[in-house]
Amino acid sequence: MKGAMEVMTNIKTRFGLLAVVGVVGLAAFGAAQASASSAPIVIPYAKICDETVGHCVGTAGNGGTLEMQITSFQVTGNDAQLTLTEWIVVGDISFTAEMNGHVSPAGFIVLNGTVTDGSFTGAQVHQRSNLVGVNGTTTSWTGELQLLSASA
């Protein structure tokens, strides 16, 4: 009888673990579905910047445009802090964003900010640019801009 009790205990334990794993799996699936609907809009871009005036122009998304004007640039040790205004037009999306961040000596820029006008006003913006070329005072960059809905 003792052997039968151990088998039943093991079956109950395993069934209980399977039930817990099933519930956790369903919860994770539900969370993944919810987060997929609030996924950021990702806009790839390429831009060319005139370092003497802090102005950049380029392409964004599929046939869109990007323009950027640096409004503040402060060297801090090996990197620099910057603030800028950026204008993006891609298909039905058109917005202005105010952003700030830092320029790394490793050749990239990370920016965060908020859409201040146009599509998605109030949404958060995250951007990373990677330096791909330098020609005198002109620099070339590629990267991605992530637009997180204001309701996300």
Protein backbone atom coordinates (compact mmCIF):
# COMPACT_ATOMS: atom_id res chain seq x y z
CA MET A 1 0.00 0.00 0.00
CA LYS A 2 2.91 2.33 0.76
CA GLY A 3 4.20 1.98 -2.85
CA ALA A 4 0.78 2.86 -4.26
CA MET A 5 0.58 5.96 -2.03
CA GLU A 6 4.00 7.15 -3.26
CA VAL A 7 2.93 6.67 -6.89
CA MET A 8 -0.29 8.66 -6.30
CA THR A 9 1.67 11.41 -4.53
CA ASN A 10 4.11 11.60 -7.46
CA ILE A 11 1.25 11.72 -9.98
CA LYS A 12 -0.48 14.51 -8.03
CA THR A 13 2.79 16.45 -7.77
CA ARG A 14 3.52 16.08 -11.49
CA PHE A 15 -0.06 16.98 -12.45
CA GLY A 16 0.13 20.03 -10.17
CA LEU A 17 3.41 21.10 -11.80
CA LEU A 18 1.92 20.64 -15.28
CA ALA A 19 -1.08 22.72 -14.29
CA VAL A 20 1.16 25.49 -12.97
CA VAL A 21 3.33 25.38 -16.11
CA GLY A 22 0.17 25.53 -18.24
CA VAL A 23 -1.20 28.56 -16.38
CA VAL A 24 2.17 30.34 -16.55
CA GLY A 25 2.40 29.52 -20.27
CA LEU A 26 -1.07 30.93 -20.93
CA ALA A 27 -0.28 34.07 -18.95
CA ALA A 28 2.97 34.55 -20.88
CA PHE A 29 1.14 34.03 -24.19
CA GLY A 30 -1.47 36.63 -23.19
CA ALA A 31 1.24 39.10 -22.18
CA ALA A 32 3.03 38.57 -25.50
CA GLN A 33 -0.20 39.23 -27.40
CA ALA A 34 -0.84 42.40 -25.39
CA SER A 35 2.69 43.70 -25.92
CA ALA A 36 2.58 42.95 -29.65
CA SER A 37 -0.31 45.38 -30.05
CA SER A 38 1.67 48.12 -28.28
CA ALA A 39 4.95 47.44 -30.09
CA PRO A 40 6.91 50.54 -31.10
CA ILE A 41 6.86 51.88 -34.65
CA VAL A 42 10.42 51.45 -35.92
CA ILE A 43 11.67 53.83 -38.60
CA PRO A 44 15.12 53.14 -40.11
CA TYR A 45 17.01 56.17 -41.45
CA ALA A 46 20.23 57.43 -43.00
CA LYS A 47 21.37 61.02 -42.55
CA ILE A 48 24.21 63.33 -43.48
CA CYS A 49 25.19 66.06 -41.02
CA ASP A 50 27.06 69.32 -41.42
CA GLU A 51 29.01 69.49 -38.16
CA THR A 52 29.74 73.22 -38.58
CA VAL A 53 26.05 74.17 -38.18
CA GLY A 54 24.62 71.07 -36.41
CA HIS A 55 22.13 70.34 -39.19
CA CYS A 56 21.28 66.94 -40.68
CA VAL A 57 19.07 65.78 -43.56
CA GLY A 58 18.31 62.31 -44.75
CA THR A 59 15.89 59.58 -45.67
CA ALA A 60 13.53 57.81 -43.28
CA GLY A 61 11.50 54.65 -43.70
CA ASN A 62 10.29 53.89 -47.20
CA GLY A 63 10.55 57.18 -49.12
CA GLY A 64 10.30 59.51 -46.13
CA THR A 65 12.47 62.38 -44.95
CA LEU A 66 14.33 63.33 -41.80
CA GLU A 67 15.66 66.73 -40.79
CA MET A 68 17.46 67.49 -37.54
CA GLN A 69 18.79 70.68 -35.94
CA ILE A 70 21.05 70.54 -32.88
CA THR A 71 20.04 73.26 -30.42
CA SER A 72 22.61 72.55 -27.68
CA PHE A 73 25.95 70.71 -27.67
CA GLN A 74 28.08 70.37 -24.54
CA VAL A 75 31.35 68.40 -24.42
CA THR A 76 31.54 66.32 -21.21
CA GLY A 77 34.84 64.49 -20.91
CA ASN A 78 35.19 61.97 -23.74
CA ASP A 79 31.60 62.29 -24.94
CA ALA A 80 29.09 65.09 -25.41
CA GLN A 81 25.52 65.90 -24.40
CA LEU A 82 23.18 67.29 -27.02
CA THR A 83 19.64 68.58 -27.45
CA LEU A 84 17.89 68.75 -30.81
CA THR A 85 14.69 69.13 -32.75
CA GLU A 86 13.87 66.51 -35.36
CA TRP A 87 11.24 66.50 -38.12
CA ILE A 88 10.15 63.16 -39.60
CA VAL A 89 7.76 62.47 -42.49
CA VAL A 90 7.10 58.85 -43.52
CA GLY A 91 3.87 58.02 -45.33
CA ASP A 92 0.97 59.08 -43.10
CA ILE A 93 3.31 59.73 -40.15
CA SER A 94 4.55 63.29 -39.72
CA PHE A 95 5.90 64.68 -36.46
CA THR A 96 8.33 66.96 -34.65
CA ALA A 97 10.26 65.62 -31.66
CA GLU A 98 12.41 67.31 -29.04
CA MET A 99 15.20 64.98 -27.94
CA ASN A 100 18.34 64.89 -25.85
CA GLY A 101 21.09 62.38 -25.27
CA HIS A 102 24.77 61.76 -25.69
CA VAL A 103 27.41 61.27 -28.35
CA SER A 104 29.77 58.41 -27.51
CA PRO A 105 33.45 58.40 -28.49
CA ALA A 106 32.72 54.85 -29.74
CA GLY A 107 30.84 56.36 -32.70
CA PHE A 108 27.18 56.31 -31.80
CA ILE A 109 24.49 58.67 -30.52
CA VAL A 110 21.64 57.67 -28.19
CA LEU A 111 18.67 60.03 -27.91
CA ASN A 112 15.37 60.03 -26.02
CA GLY A 113 12.55 62.52 -26.21
CA THR A 114 8.92 63.32 -26.87
CA VAL A 115 6.82 64.05 -29.94
CA THR A 116 5.76 67.69 -29.57
CA ASP A 117 3.70 68.18 -32.73
CA GLY A 118 1.92 66.13 -35.39
CA SER A 119 1.26 62.39 -35.46
CA PHE A 120 1.52 60.77 -32.03
CA THR A 121 1.89 64.02 -30.02
CA GLY A 122 3.02 63.05 -26.52
CA ALA A 123 4.59 59.75 -27.62
CA GLN A 124 8.07 58.82 -26.44
CA VAL A 125 10.88 58.59 -29.00
CA HIS A 126 14.10 56.57 -28.72
CA GLN A 127 16.83 56.77 -31.32
CA ARG A 128 20.28 55.30 -31.89
CA SER A 129 22.55 56.55 -34.67
CA ASN A 130 25.73 54.80 -35.77
CA LEU A 131 28.55 56.75 -37.42
CA VAL A 132 29.29 55.24 -40.85
CA GLY A 133 31.49 57.90 -42.42
CA VAL A 134 33.39 61.17 -42.02
CA ASN A 135 34.41 63.53 -44.81
CA GLY A 136 35.89 66.74 -43.40
CA THR A 137 33.11 68.39 -41.37
CA THR A 138 30.38 66.15 -42.85
CA THR A 139 29.37 62.97 -41.06
CA SER A 140 27.13 60.12 -42.23
CA TRP A 141 24.91 58.12 -39.88
CA THR A 142 22.44 55.24 -40.03
CA GLY A 143 20.09 54.07 -37.34
CA GLU A 144 16.59 53.43 -36.11
CA LEU A 145 14.03 55.63 -34.45
CA GLN A 146 11.48 53.93 -32.19
CA LEU A 147 8.17 55.67 -31.68
CA LEU A 148 6.27 54.45 -28.63
CA SER A 149 2.60 55.38 -28.66
CA ALA A 150 1.52 57.87 -26.01
CA SER A 151 -1.11 55.34 -24.88
CA ALA A 152 1.45 52.51 -24.49
